[in-house]
Full PDB file with SEQRES, HELIX, SHEET, SSBOND, CRYST1, ORIGX, SCALE, CONECT and MASTER records, all heavy atoms in Angstrom:
SEQRES   1 A   44  MET ASP ARG THR ILE TRP SER VAL ASP MET LEU ALA ASP          
SEQRES   2 A   44  ASN PHE ALA MET PRO HIS LYS PRO GLN PRO ASP GLY PRO          
SEQRES   3 A   44  ASP GLN SER ILE SER TRP VAL ASN TRP ASP ASN MET GLY          
SEQRES   4 A   44  ALA ALA GLY GLY ILE                                          
HELIX    1 AA1 VAL A    8  MET A   10  5                                   3    
HELIX    2 AA2 ASP A   36  MET A   38  5                                   3    
HELIX    3 AA3 GLY A   39  GLY A   42  1                                   4    
SHEET    1 AA1 2 HIS A  19  LYS A  20  0                                        
SHEET    2 AA1 2 GLN A  28  SER A  29 -1                                        
CRYST1    1.000    1.000    1.000  90.00  90.00  90.00 P 1           1          
ORIGX1      1.000000  0.000000  0.000000        0.00000                         
ORIGX2      0.000000  1.000000  0.000000        0.00000                         
ORIGX3      0.000000  0.000000  1.000000        0.00000                         
SCALE1      1.000000  0.000000  0.000000        0.00000                         
SCALE2      0.000000  1.000000  0.000000        0.00000                         
SCALE3      0.000000  0.000000  1.000000        0.00000                         
ATOM      1  N   MET A   1     -35.451  -8.594-112.043  1.00  0.00           N  
ATOM      2  CA  MET A   1     -36.017  -7.742-113.074  1.00  0.00           C  
ATOM      3  C   MET A   1     -36.522  -6.471-112.397  1.00  0.00           C  
ATOM      4  O   MET A   1     -37.715  -6.175-112.303  1.00  0.00           O  
ATOM      5  CB  MET A   1     -37.136  -8.465-113.837  1.00  0.00           C  
ATOM      6  CG  MET A   1     -36.671  -9.616-114.678  1.00  0.00           C  
ATOM      7  SD  MET A   1     -38.012 -10.482-115.556  1.00  0.00           S  
ATOM      8  CE  MET A   1     -38.495  -9.246-116.775  1.00  0.00           C  
ATOM      9  N   ASP A   2     -35.560  -5.649-111.906  1.00  0.00           N  
ATOM     10  CA  ASP A   2     -35.930  -4.538-111.046  1.00  0.00           C  
ATOM     11  C   ASP A   2     -36.381  -3.297-111.788  1.00  0.00           C  
ATOM     12  O   ASP A   2     -36.806  -2.321-111.174  1.00  0.00           O  
ATOM     13  CB  ASP A   2     -34.771  -4.200-110.089  1.00  0.00           C  
ATOM     14  CG  ASP A   2     -33.458  -3.968-110.821  1.00  0.00           C  
ATOM     15  OD1 ASP A   2     -33.462  -3.793-112.056  1.00  0.00           O  
ATOM     16  OD2 ASP A   2     -32.403  -3.963-110.133  1.00  0.00           O  
ATOM     17  N   ARG A   3     -36.321  -3.287-113.121  1.00  0.00           N  
ATOM     18  CA  ARG A   3     -36.813  -2.156-113.907  1.00  0.00           C  
ATOM     19  C   ARG A   3     -38.234  -2.405-114.433  1.00  0.00           C  
ATOM     20  O   ARG A   3     -38.898  -1.487-114.896  1.00  0.00           O  
ATOM     21  CB  ARG A   3     -35.888  -1.901-115.115  1.00  0.00           C  
ATOM     22  CG  ARG A   3     -34.536  -1.328-114.773  1.00  0.00           C  
ATOM     23  CD  ARG A   3     -34.581   0.161-114.458  1.00  0.00           C  
ATOM     24  NE  ARG A   3     -34.956   0.933-115.645  1.00  0.00           N  
ATOM     25  CZ  ARG A   3     -35.490   2.163-115.588  1.00  0.00           C  
ATOM     26  NH1 ARG A   3     -35.724   2.714-114.401  1.00  0.00           N  
ATOM     27  NH2 ARG A   3     -35.790   2.813-116.691  1.00  0.00           N  
ATOM     28  N   THR A   4     -38.676  -3.643-114.372  1.00  0.00           N  
ATOM     29  CA  THR A   4     -39.933  -4.038-114.997  1.00  0.00           C  
ATOM     30  C   THR A   4     -41.141  -3.554-114.210  1.00  0.00           C  
ATOM     31  O   THR A   4     -41.210  -3.710-112.975  1.00  0.00           O  
ATOM     32  CB  THR A   4     -39.984  -5.557-115.171  1.00  0.00           C  
ATOM     33  OG1 THR A   4     -38.868  -5.950-116.004  1.00  0.00           O  
ATOM     34  CG2 THR A   4     -41.264  -6.025-115.830  1.00  0.00           C  
ATOM     35  N   ILE A   5     -42.114  -2.968-114.937  1.00  0.00           N  
ATOM     36  CA  ILE A   5     -43.365  -2.456-114.319  1.00  0.00           C  
ATOM     37  C   ILE A   5     -44.551  -2.945-115.137  1.00  0.00           C  
ATOM     38  O   ILE A   5     -44.385  -3.585-116.178  1.00  0.00           O  
ATOM     39  CB  ILE A   5     -43.339  -0.927-114.237  1.00  0.00           C  
ATOM     40  CG1 ILE A   5     -43.139  -0.289-115.642  1.00  0.00           C  
ATOM     41  CG2 ILE A   5     -42.254  -0.454-113.285  1.00  0.00           C  
ATOM     42  CD1 ILE A   5     -43.166   1.228-115.651  1.00  0.00           C  
ATOM     43  N   TRP A   6     -45.733  -2.614-114.654  1.00  0.00           N  
ATOM     44  CA  TRP A   6     -46.944  -3.175-115.320  1.00  0.00           C  
ATOM     45  C   TRP A   6     -47.944  -2.106-115.759  1.00  0.00           C  
ATOM     46  O   TRP A   6     -48.969  -2.433-116.326  1.00  0.00           O  
ATOM     47  CB  TRP A   6     -47.629  -4.159-114.377  1.00  0.00           C  
ATOM     48  CG  TRP A   6     -48.050  -3.556-113.068  1.00  0.00           C  
ATOM     49  CD1 TRP A   6     -47.300  -3.503-111.923  1.00  0.00           C  
ATOM     50  CD2 TRP A   6     -49.286  -2.899-112.766  1.00  0.00           C  
ATOM     51  NE1 TRP A   6     -47.992  -2.855-110.914  1.00  0.00           N  
ATOM     52  CE2 TRP A   6     -49.220  -2.489-111.411  1.00  0.00           C  
ATOM     53  CE3 TRP A   6     -50.451  -2.664-113.498  1.00  0.00           C  
ATOM     54  CZ2 TRP A   6     -50.281  -1.815-110.780  1.00  0.00           C  
ATOM     55  CZ3 TRP A   6     -51.494  -1.979-112.864  1.00  0.00           C  
ATOM     56  CH2 TRP A   6     -51.400  -1.589-111.537  1.00  0.00           C  
ATOM     57  N   SER A   7     -47.651  -0.830-115.540  1.00  0.00           N  
ATOM     58  CA  SER A   7     -48.586   0.216-115.884  1.00  0.00           C  
ATOM     59  C   SER A   7     -47.865   1.473-116.343  1.00  0.00           C  
ATOM     60  O   SER A   7     -46.794   1.820-115.795  1.00  0.00           O  
ATOM     61  CB  SER A   7     -49.503   0.557-114.711  1.00  0.00           C  
ATOM     62  OG  SER A   7     -50.307   1.691-114.986  1.00  0.00           O  
ATOM     63  N   VAL A   8     -48.443   2.175-117.307  1.00  0.00           N  
ATOM     64  CA  VAL A   8     -47.858   3.455-117.754  1.00  0.00           C  
ATOM     65  C   VAL A   8     -47.841   4.478-116.604  1.00  0.00           C  
ATOM     66  O   VAL A   8     -47.032   5.421-116.617  1.00  0.00           O  
ATOM     67  CB  VAL A   8     -48.594   4.027-118.968  1.00  0.00           C  
ATOM     68  CG1 VAL A   8     -48.548   3.063-120.140  1.00  0.00           C  
ATOM     69  CG2 VAL A   8     -50.053   4.369-118.631  1.00  0.00           C  
ATOM     70  N   ASP A   9     -48.741   4.308-115.634  1.00  0.00           N  
ATOM     71  CA  ASP A   9     -48.787   5.214-114.501  1.00  0.00           C  
ATOM     72  C   ASP A   9     -47.539   5.108-113.636  1.00  0.00           C  
ATOM     73  O   ASP A   9     -47.311   5.979-112.765  1.00  0.00           O  
ATOM     74  CB  ASP A   9     -50.021   4.953-113.646  1.00  0.00           C  
ATOM     75  CG  ASP A   9     -51.316   5.247-114.386  1.00  0.00           C  
ATOM     76  OD1 ASP A   9     -51.294   6.045-115.345  1.00  0.00           O  
ATOM     77  OD2 ASP A   9     -52.355   4.663-114.021  1.00  0.00           O  
ATOM     78  N   MET A  10     -46.728   4.063-113.848  1.00  0.00           N  
ATOM     79  CA  MET A  10     -45.536   3.844-113.034  1.00  0.00           C  
ATOM     80  C   MET A  10     -44.277   4.385-113.737  1.00  0.00           C  
ATOM     81  O   MET A  10     -43.200   4.314-113.159  1.00  0.00           O  
ATOM     82  CB  MET A  10     -45.389   2.344-112.745  1.00  0.00           C  
ATOM     83  CG  MET A  10     -46.577   1.742-111.998  1.00  0.00           C  
ATOM     84  SD  MET A  10     -46.519  -0.068-111.936  1.00  0.00           S  
ATOM     85  CE  MET A  10     -45.160  -0.317-110.772  1.00  0.00           C  
ATOM     86  N   LEU A  11     -44.394   4.861-114.942  1.00  0.00           N  
ATOM     87  CA  LEU A  11     -43.236   5.374-115.680  1.00  0.00           C  
ATOM     88  C   LEU A  11     -42.660   6.592-114.939  1.00  0.00           C  
ATOM     89  O   LEU A  11     -43.388   7.530-114.614  1.00  0.00           O  
ATOM     90  CB  LEU A  11     -43.636   5.780-117.084  1.00  0.00           C  
ATOM     91  CG  LEU A  11     -43.934   4.620-118.053  1.00  0.00           C  
ATOM     92  CD1 LEU A  11     -44.600   5.156-119.321  1.00  0.00           C  
ATOM     93  CD2 LEU A  11     -42.663   3.841-118.391  1.00  0.00           C  
ATOM     94  N   ALA A  12     -41.365   6.546-114.654  1.00  0.00           N  
ATOM     95  CA  ALA A  12     -40.765   7.624-113.889  1.00  0.00           C  
ATOM     96  C   ALA A  12     -39.458   8.135-114.499  1.00  0.00           C  
ATOM     97  O   ALA A  12     -39.236   9.344-114.573  1.00  0.00           O  
ATOM     98  CB  ALA A  12     -40.496   7.171-112.450  1.00  0.00           C  
ATOM     99  N   ASP A  13     -38.604   7.255-114.982  1.00  0.00           N  
ATOM    100  CA  ASP A  13     -37.330   7.682-115.534  1.00  0.00           C  
ATOM    101  C   ASP A  13     -36.855   6.716-116.601  1.00  0.00           C  
ATOM    102  O   ASP A  13     -37.201   5.541-116.602  1.00  0.00           O  
ATOM    103  CB  ASP A  13     -36.266   7.748-114.416  1.00  0.00           C  
ATOM    104  CG  ASP A  13     -35.935   6.368-113.866  1.00  0.00           C  
ATOM    105  OD1 ASP A  13     -36.749   5.797-113.108  1.00  0.00           O  
ATOM    106  OD2 ASP A  13     -34.869   5.848-114.187  1.00  0.00           O  
ATOM    107  N   ASN A  14     -36.082   7.237-117.521  1.00  0.00           N  
ATOM    108  CA  ASN A  14     -35.435   6.447-118.578  1.00  0.00           C  
ATOM    109  C   ASN A  14     -36.412   5.550-119.335  1.00  0.00           C  
ATOM    110  O   ASN A  14     -36.280   4.340-119.349  1.00  0.00           O  
ATOM    111  CB  ASN A  14     -34.290   5.601-118.008  1.00  0.00           C  
ATOM    112  CG  ASN A  14     -33.379   5.033-119.110  1.00  0.00           C  
ATOM    113  OD1 ASN A  14     -33.534   5.380-120.295  1.00  0.00           O  
ATOM    114  ND2 ASN A  14     -32.464   4.142-118.735  1.00  0.00           N  
ATOM    115  N   PHE A  15     -37.397   6.179-119.968  1.00  0.00           N  
ATOM    116  CA  PHE A  15     -38.323   5.408-120.784  1.00  0.00           C  
ATOM    117  C   PHE A  15     -38.407   6.048-122.170  1.00  0.00           C  
ATOM    118  O   PHE A  15     -38.253   7.247-122.332  1.00  0.00           O  
ATOM    119  CB  PHE A  15     -39.724   5.339-120.149  1.00  0.00           C  
ATOM    120  CG  PHE A  15     -40.332   6.680-119.819  1.00  0.00           C  
ATOM    121  CD1 PHE A  15     -41.101   7.379-120.773  1.00  0.00           C  
ATOM    122  CD2 PHE A  15     -40.194   7.237-118.562  1.00  0.00           C  
ATOM    123  CE1 PHE A  15     -41.679   8.581-120.474  1.00  0.00           C  
ATOM    124  CE2 PHE A  15     -40.763   8.471-118.267  1.00  0.00           C  
ATOM    125  CZ  PHE A  15     -41.516   9.143-119.207  1.00  0.00           C  
ATOM    126  N   ALA A  16     -38.652   5.181-123.159  1.00  0.00           N  
ATOM    127  CA  ALA A  16     -38.793   5.653-124.530  1.00  0.00           C  
ATOM    128  C   ALA A  16     -40.211   6.156-124.752  1.00  0.00           C  
ATOM    129  O   ALA A  16     -41.124   5.741-124.062  1.00  0.00           O  
ATOM    130  CB  ALA A  16     -38.495   4.517-125.513  1.00  0.00           C  
ATOM    131  N   MET A  17     -40.364   7.056-125.716  1.00  0.00           N  
ATOM    132  CA  MET A  17     -41.711   7.526-126.108  1.00  0.00           C  
ATOM    133  C   MET A  17     -42.162   6.759-127.347  1.00  0.00           C  
ATOM    134  O   MET A  17     -41.363   6.479-128.238  1.00  0.00           O  
ATOM    135  CB  MET A  17     -41.671   9.014-126.412  1.00  0.00           C  
ATOM    136  CG  MET A  17     -41.534   9.886-125.167  1.00  0.00           C  
ATOM    137  SD  MET A  17     -42.911   9.684-123.975  1.00  0.00           S  
ATOM    138  CE  MET A  17     -44.296  10.295-124.952  1.00  0.00           C  
ATOM    139  N   PRO A  18     -43.427   6.396-127.409  1.00  0.00           N  
ATOM    140  CA  PRO A  18     -43.955   5.720-128.585  1.00  0.00           C  
ATOM    141  C   PRO A  18     -43.974   6.677-129.779  1.00  0.00           C  
ATOM    142  O   PRO A  18     -44.070   7.886-129.605  1.00  0.00           O  
ATOM    143  CB  PRO A  18     -45.387   5.322-128.171  1.00  0.00           C  
ATOM    144  CG  PRO A  18     -45.466   5.541-126.698  1.00  0.00           C  
ATOM    145  CD  PRO A  18     -44.472   6.587-126.366  1.00  0.00           C  
ATOM    146  N   HIS A  19     -43.917   6.085-130.994  1.00  0.00           N  
ATOM    147  CA  HIS A  19     -43.967   6.883-132.211  1.00  0.00           C  
ATOM    148  C   HIS A  19     -44.863   6.214-133.251  1.00  0.00           C  
ATOM    149  O   HIS A  19     -44.927   4.985-133.325  1.00  0.00           O  
ATOM    150  CB  HIS A  19     -42.556   7.048-132.816  1.00  0.00           C  
ATOM    151  CG  HIS A  19     -41.654   7.896-131.990  1.00  0.00           C  
ATOM    152  ND1 HIS A  19     -41.026   7.402-130.859  1.00  0.00           N  
ATOM    153  CD2 HIS A  19     -41.240   9.185-132.115  1.00  0.00           C  
ATOM    154  CE1 HIS A  19     -40.253   8.355-130.314  1.00  0.00           C  
ATOM    155  NE2 HIS A  19     -40.386   9.439-131.071  1.00  0.00           N  
ATOM    156  N   LYS A  20     -45.514   7.050-134.057  1.00  0.00           N  
ATOM    157  CA  LYS A  20     -46.295   6.573-135.184  1.00  0.00           C  
ATOM    158  C   LYS A  20     -45.591   6.960-136.473  1.00  0.00           C  
ATOM    159  O   LYS A  20     -45.297   8.134-136.674  1.00  0.00           O  
ATOM    160  CB  LYS A  20     -47.709   7.156-135.151  1.00  0.00           C  
ATOM    161  CG  LYS A  20     -48.576   6.665-136.301  1.00  0.00           C  
ATOM    162  CD  LYS A  20     -50.016   7.166-136.175  1.00  0.00           C  
ATOM    163  CE  LYS A  20     -50.884   6.652-137.343  1.00  0.00           C  
ATOM    164  NZ  LYS A  20     -52.294   7.044-137.223  1.00  0.00           N  
ATOM    165  N   PRO A  21     -45.334   6.006-137.371  1.00  0.00           N  
ATOM    166  CA  PRO A  21     -44.695   6.332-138.655  1.00  0.00           C  
ATOM    167  C   PRO A  21     -45.559   7.285-139.469  1.00  0.00           C  
ATOM    168  O   PRO A  21     -46.790   7.224-139.420  1.00  0.00           O  
ATOM    169  CB  PRO A  21     -44.571   4.979-139.351  1.00  0.00           C  
ATOM    170  CG  PRO A  21     -44.591   3.975-138.253  1.00  0.00           C  
ATOM    171  CD  PRO A  21     -45.520   4.550-137.218  1.00  0.00           C  
ATOM    172  N   GLN A  22     -44.909   8.146-140.217  1.00  0.00           N  
ATOM    173  CA  GLN A  22     -45.578   9.113-141.063  1.00  0.00           C  
ATOM    174  C   GLN A  22     -45.260   8.834-142.516  1.00  0.00           C  
ATOM    175  O   GLN A  22     -44.168   8.360-142.851  1.00  0.00           O  
ATOM    176  CB  GLN A  22     -45.176  10.545-140.714  1.00  0.00           C  
ATOM    177  CG  GLN A  22     -45.423  10.915-139.254  1.00  0.00           C  
ATOM    178  CD  GLN A  22     -46.882  10.881-138.885  1.00  0.00           C  
ATOM    179  OE1 GLN A  22     -47.718  11.541-139.508  1.00  0.00           O  
ATOM    180  NE2 GLN A  22     -47.215  10.072-137.885  1.00  0.00           N  
ATOM    181  N   PRO A  23     -46.202   9.093-143.456  1.00  0.00           N  
ATOM    182  CA  PRO A  23     -45.946   8.864-144.874  1.00  0.00           C  
ATOM    183  C   PRO A  23     -44.700   9.631-145.350  1.00  0.00           C  
ATOM    184  O   PRO A  23     -43.937   9.109-146.169  1.00  0.00           O  
ATOM    185  CB  PRO A  23     -47.224   9.363-145.558  1.00  0.00           C  
ATOM    186  CG  PRO A  23     -48.265   9.341-144.495  1.00  0.00           C  
ATOM    187  CD  PRO A  23     -47.572   9.611-143.216  1.00  0.00           C  
ATOM    188  N   ASP A  24     -44.554  10.834-144.869  1.00  0.00           N  
ATOM    189  CA  ASP A  24     -43.391  11.654-145.254  1.00  0.00           C  
ATOM    190  C   ASP A  24     -42.822  12.285-143.971  1.00  0.00           C  
ATOM    191  O   ASP A  24     -43.522  12.793-143.136  1.00  0.00           O  
ATOM    192  CB  ASP A  24     -43.804  12.764-146.225  1.00  0.00           C  
ATOM    193  CG  ASP A  24     -44.401  12.222-147.503  1.00  0.00           C  
ATOM    194  OD1 ASP A  24     -43.705  11.467-148.181  1.00  0.00           O  
ATOM    195  OD2 ASP A  24     -45.579  12.541-147.782  1.00  0.00           O  
ATOM    196  N   GLY A  25     -41.509  12.172-143.857  1.00  0.00           N  
ATOM    197  CA  GLY A  25     -40.851  12.802-142.711  1.00  0.00           C  
ATOM    198  C   GLY A  25     -40.673  11.814-141.563  1.00  0.00           C  
ATOM    199  O   GLY A  25     -41.021  10.651-141.621  1.00  0.00           O  
ATOM    200  N   PRO A  26     -40.089  12.308-140.463  1.00  0.00           N  
ATOM    201  CA  PRO A  26     -39.756  11.425-139.323  1.00  0.00           C  
ATOM    202  C   PRO A  26     -41.020  10.944-138.587  1.00  0.00           C  
ATOM    203  O   PRO A  26     -42.086  11.532-138.707  1.00  0.00           O  
ATOM    204  CB  PRO A  26     -38.928  12.359-138.408  1.00  0.00           C  
ATOM    205  CG  PRO A  26     -39.362  13.747-138.773  1.00  0.00           C  
ATOM    206  CD  PRO A  26     -39.670  13.698-140.245  1.00  0.00           C  
ATOM    207  N   ASP A  27     -40.839   9.890-137.840  1.00  0.00           N  
ATOM    208  CA  ASP A  27     -41.945   9.357-137.051  1.00  0.00           C  
ATOM    209  C   ASP A  27     -42.431  10.400-136.050  1.00  0.00           C  
ATOM    210  O   ASP A  27     -41.642  11.216-135.553  1.00  0.00           O  
ATOM    211  CB  ASP A  27     -41.511   8.100-136.306  1.00  0.00           C  
ATOM    212  CG  ASP A  27     -41.208   6.937-137.257  1.00  0.00           C  
ATOM    213  OD1 ASP A  27     -41.330   7.132-138.456  1.00  0.00           O  
ATOM    214  OD2 ASP A  27     -40.813   5.864-136.761  1.00  0.00           O  
ATOM    215  N   GLN A  28     -43.717  10.317-135.750  1.00  0.00           N  
ATOM    216  CA  GLN A  28     -44.324  11.307-134.844  1.00  0.00           C  
ATOM    217  C   GLN A  28     -44.434  10.705-133.443  1.00  0.00           C  
ATOM    218  O   GLN A  28     -44.999   9.625-133.234  1.00  0.00           O  
ATOM    219  CB  GLN A  28     -45.713  11.703-135.345  1.00  0.00           C  
ATOM    220  CG  GLN A  28     -46.493  12.594-134.400  1.00  0.00           C  
ATOM    221  CD  GLN A  28     -47.934  12.815-134.836  1.00  0.00           C  
ATOM    222  OE1 GLN A  28     -48.357  12.321-135.871  1.00  0.00           O  
ATOM    223  NE2 GLN A  28     -48.694  13.544-134.019  1.00  0.00           N  
ATOM    224  N   SER A  29     -43.910  11.438-132.451  1.00  0.00           N  
ATOM    225  CA  SER A  29     -44.054  11.006-131.072  1.00  0.00           C  
ATOM    226  C   SER A  29     -45.501  11.099-130.642  1.00  0.00           C  
ATOM    227  O   SER A  29     -46.195  12.069-130.943  1.00  0.00           O  
ATOM    228  CB  SER A  29     -43.184  11.891-130.179  1.00  0.00           C  
ATOM    229  OG  SER A  29     -43.401  11.591-128.818  1.00  0.00           O  
ATOM    230  N   ILE A  30     -46.014  10.048-129.961  1.00  0.00           N  
ATOM    231  CA  ILE A  30     -47.368  10.032-129.446  1.00  0.00           C  
ATOM    232  C   ILE A  30     -47.337   9.672-127.965  1.00  0.00           C  
ATOM    233  O   ILE A  30     -46.314   9.220-127.442  1.00  0.00           O  
ATOM    234  CB  ILE A  30     -48.277   9.058-130.207  1.00  0.00           C  
ATOM    235  CG1 ILE A  30     -47.726   7.615-130.128  1.00  0.00           C  
ATOM    236  CG2 ILE A  30     -48.432   9.475-131.662  1.00  0.00           C  
ATOM    237  CD1 ILE A  30     -48.592   6.565-130.807  1.00  0.00           C  
ATOM    238  N   SER A  31     -48.456   9.883-127.298  1.00  0.00           N  
ATOM    239  CA  SER A  31     -48.533   9.627-125.859  1.00  0.00           C  
ATOM    240  C   SER A  31     -48.583   8.135-125.567  1.00  0.00           C  
ATOM    241  O   SER A  31     -49.095   7.337-126.362  1.00  0.00           O  
ATOM    242  CB  SER A  31     -49.742  10.331-125.274  1.00  0.00           C  
ATOM    243  OG  SER A  31     -49.697  11.716-125.459  1.00  0.00           O  
ATOM    244  N   TRP A  32     -48.123   7.785-124.361  1.00  0.00           N  
ATOM    245  CA  TRP A  32     -48.332   6.419-123.888  1.00  0.00           C  
ATOM    246  C   TRP A  32     -49.820   6.204-123.638  1.00  0.00           C  
ATOM    247  O   TRP A  32     -50.538   7.136-123.250  1.00  0.00           O  
ATOM    248  CB  TRP A  32     -47.608   6.203-122.546  1.00  0.00           C  
ATOM    249  CG  TRP A  32     -46.120   5.912-122.726  1.00  0.00           C  
ATOM    250  CD1 TRP A  32     -45.133   6.841-122.925  1.00  0.00           C  
ATOM    251  CD2 TRP A  32     -45.504   4.632-122.653  1.00  0.00           C  
ATOM    252  NE1 TRP A  32     -43.914   6.194-122.993  1.00  0.00           N  
ATOM    253  CE2 TRP A  32     -44.120   4.847-122.825  1.00  0.00           C  
ATOM    254  CE3 TRP A  32     -45.977   3.340-122.433  1.00  0.00           C  
ATOM    255  CZ2 TRP A  32     -43.196   3.798-122.803  1.00  0.00           C  
ATOM    256  CZ3 TRP A  32     -45.046   2.295-122.432  1.00  0.00           C  
ATOM    257  CH2 TRP A  32     -43.694   2.526-122.609  1.00  0.00           C  
ATOM    258  N   VAL A  33     -50.327   5.016-123.905  1.00  0.00           N  
ATOM    259  CA  VAL A  33     -51.726   4.655-123.720  1.00  0.00           C  
ATOM    260  C   VAL A  33     -51.837   3.657-122.575  1.00  0.00           C  
ATOM    261  O   VAL A  33     -51.078   2.702-122.489  1.00  0.00           O  
ATOM    262  CB  VAL A  33     -52.308   4.055-125.013  1.00  0.00           C  
ATOM    263  CG1 VAL A  33     -53.732   3.578-124.781  1.00  0.00           C  
ATOM    264  CG2 VAL A  33     -52.253   5.073-126.150  1.00  0.00           C  
ATOM    265  N   ASN A  34     -52.811   3.882-121.702  1.00  0.00           N  
ATOM    266  CA  ASN A  34     -53.023   2.979-120.576  1.00  0.00           C  
ATOM    267  C   ASN A  34     -53.661   1.683-121.027  1.00  0.00           C  
ATOM    268  O   ASN A  34     -54.738   1.688-121.578  1.00  0.00           O  
ATOM    269  CB  ASN A  34     -53.876   3.660-119.519  1.00  0.00           C  
ATOM    270  CG  ASN A  34     -53.972   2.875-118.227  1.00  0.00           C  
ATOM    271  OD1 ASN A  34     -54.447   1.743-118.203  1.00  0.00           O  
ATOM    272  ND2 ASN A  34     -53.483   3.445-117.144  1.00  0.00           N  
ATOM    273  N   TRP A  35     -52.969   0.547-120.741  1.00  0.00           N  
ATOM    274  CA  TRP A  35     -53.465  -0.778-121.087  1.00  0.00           C  
ATOM    275  C   TRP A  35     -53.771  -1.597-119.823  1.00  0.00           C  
ATOM    276  O   TRP A  35     -53.783  -2.827-119.856  1.00  0.00           O  
ATOM    277  CB  TRP A  35     -52.427  -1.510-121.940  1.00  0.00           C  
ATOM    278  CG  TRP A  35     -52.496  -1.204-123.415  1.00  0.00           C  
ATOM    279  CD1 TRP A  35     -53.008  -0.090-124.001  1.00  0.00           C  
ATOM    280  CD2 TRP A  35     -51.951  -2.011-124.487  1.00  0.00           C  
ATOM    281  NE1 TRP A  35     -52.865  -0.139-125.352  1.00  0.00           N  
ATOM    282  CE2 TRP A  35     -52.229  -1.299-125.689  1.00  0.00           C  
ATOM    283  CE3 TRP A  35     -51.331  -3.240-124.547  1.00  0.00           C  
ATOM    284  CZ2 TRP A  35     -51.856  -1.811-126.942  1.00  0.00           C  
ATOM    285  CZ3 TRP A  35     -50.957  -3.752-125.763  1.00  0.00           C  
ATOM    286  CH2 TRP A  35     -51.232  -3.038-126.971  1.00  0.00           C  
ATOM    287  N   ASP A  36     -54.031  -0.930-118.721  1.00  0.00           N  
ATOM    288  CA  ASP A  36     -54.179  -1.670-117.447  1.00  0.00           C  
ATOM    289  C   ASP A  36     -55.287  -2.714-117.497  1.00  0.00           C  
ATOM    290  O   ASP A  36     -55.149  -3.800-116.936  1.00  0.00           O  
ATOM    291  CB  ASP A  36     -54.456  -0.705-116.291  1.00  0.00           C  
ATOM    292  CG  ASP A  36     -53.251   0.128-115.922  1.00  0.00           C  
ATOM    293  OD1 ASP A  36     -52.194  -0.022-116.577  1.00  0.00           O  
ATOM    294  OD2 ASP A  36     -53.367   0.956-114.987  1.00  0.00           O  
ATOM    295  N   ASN A  37     -56.400  -2.402-118.193  1.00  0.00           N  
ATOM    296  CA  ASN A  37     -57.525  -3.346-118.188  1.00  0.00           C  
ATOM    297  C   ASN A  37     -57.239  -4.599-118.971  1.00  0.00           C  
ATOM    298  O   ASN A  37     -57.920  -5.616-118.801  1.00  0.00           O  
ATOM    299  CB  ASN A  37     -58.820  -2.691-118.667  1.00  0.00           C  
ATOM    300  CG  ASN A  37     -58.715  -2.170-120.103  1.00  0.00           C  
ATOM    301  OD1 ASN A  37     -57.682  -2.261-120.753  1.00  0.00           O  
ATOM    302  ND2 ASN A  37     -59.818  -1.640-120.591  1.00  0.00           N  
ATOM    303  N   MET A  38     -56.253  -4.580-119.880  1.00  0.00           N  
ATOM    304  CA  MET A  38     -55.895  -5.781-120.614  1.00  0.00           C  
ATOM    305  C   MET A  38     -54.453  -6.205-120.300  1.00  0.00           C  
ATOM    306  O   MET A  38     -53.810  -6.928-121.066  1.00  0.00           O  
ATOM    307  CB  MET A  38     -56.038  -5.551-122.136  1.00  0.00           C  
ATOM    308  CG  MET A  38     -55.101  -4.516-122.745  1.00  0.00           C  
ATOM    309  SD  MET A  38     -53.460  -5.172-123.176  1.00  0.00           S  
ATOM    310  CE  MET A  38     -53.881  -6.275-124.512  1.00  0.00           C  
ATOM    311  N   GLY A  39     -53.974  -5.766-119.132  1.00  0.00           N  
ATOM    312  CA  GLY A  39     -52.556  -5.972-118.807  1.00  0.00           C  
ATOM    313  C   GLY A  39     -52.073  -7.384-118.885  1.00  0.00           C  
ATOM    314  O   GLY A  39     -50.942  -7.652-119.283  1.00  0.00           O  
ATOM    315  N   ALA A  40     -52.925  -8.357-118.542  1.00  0.00           N  
ATOM    316  CA  ALA A  40     -52.489  -9.766-118.602  1.00  0.00           C  
ATOM    317  C   ALA A  40     -52.224 -10.220-120.036  1.00  0.00           C  
ATOM    318  O   ALA A  40     -51.570 -11.219-120.253  1.00  0.00           O  
ATOM    319  CB  ALA A  40     -53.535 -10.657-117.957  1.00  0.00           C  
ATOM    320  N   ALA A  41     -52.765  -9.499-121.007  1.00  0.00           N  
ATOM    321  CA  ALA A  41     -52.531  -9.846-122.416  1.00  0.00           C  
ATOM    322  C   ALA A  41     -51.392  -9.030-123.030  1.00  0.00           C  
ATOM    323  O   ALA A  41     -50.873  -9.421-124.075  1.00  0.00           O  
ATOM    324  CB  ALA A  41     -53.799  -9.582-123.229  1.00  0.00           C  
ATOM    325  N   GLY A  42     -50.996  -7.913-122.373  1.00  0.00           N  
ATOM    326  CA  GLY A  42     -49.974  -7.108-123.029  1.00  0.00           C  
ATOM    327  C   GLY A  42     -49.505  -5.914-122.243  1.00  0.00           C  
ATOM    328  O   GLY A  42     -49.065  -4.927-122.858  1.00  0.00           O  
ATOM    329  N   GLY A  43     -49.541  -5.925-120.938  1.00  0.00           N  
ATOM    330  CA  GLY A  43     -49.309  -4.710-120.161  1.00  0.00           C  
ATOM    331  C   GLY A  43     -47.896  -4.490-119.631  1.00  0.00           C  
ATOM    332  O   GLY A  43     -47.616  -3.417-119.096  1.00  0.00           O  
ATOM    333  N   ILE A  44     -47.001  -5.450-119.760  1.00  0.00           N  
ATOM    334  CA  ILE A  44     -45.675  -5.313-119.137  1.00  0.00           C  
ATOM    335  C   ILE A  44     -44.828  -4.288-119.894  1.00  0.00           C  
ATOM    336  O   ILE A  44     -44.814  -4.244-121.121  1.00  0.00           O  
ATOM    337  CB  ILE A  44     -44.953  -6.668-119.040  1.00  0.00           C  
ATOM    338  CG1 ILE A  44     -45.693  -7.582-118.063  1.00  0.00           C  
ATOM    339  CG2 ILE A  44     -43.497  -6.505-118.630  1.00  0.00           C  
ATOM    340  CD1 ILE A  44     -45.110  -8.989-117.960  1.00  0.00           C  
TER     341      ILE A  44                                                      
MASTER        0    0    0    3    2    0    0    6  340    1    0    4          
END                                                                             
């Protein structure tokens, strides 16, 4: 599993951007959020 990482700080290439759905129009791109402190519950 050589692409797998555990922190947003490790993102370097070929990654998707998160999006938030909007009531009207296309989804809005938002920033990655650091989940390092809860990584064992959801950080991969």
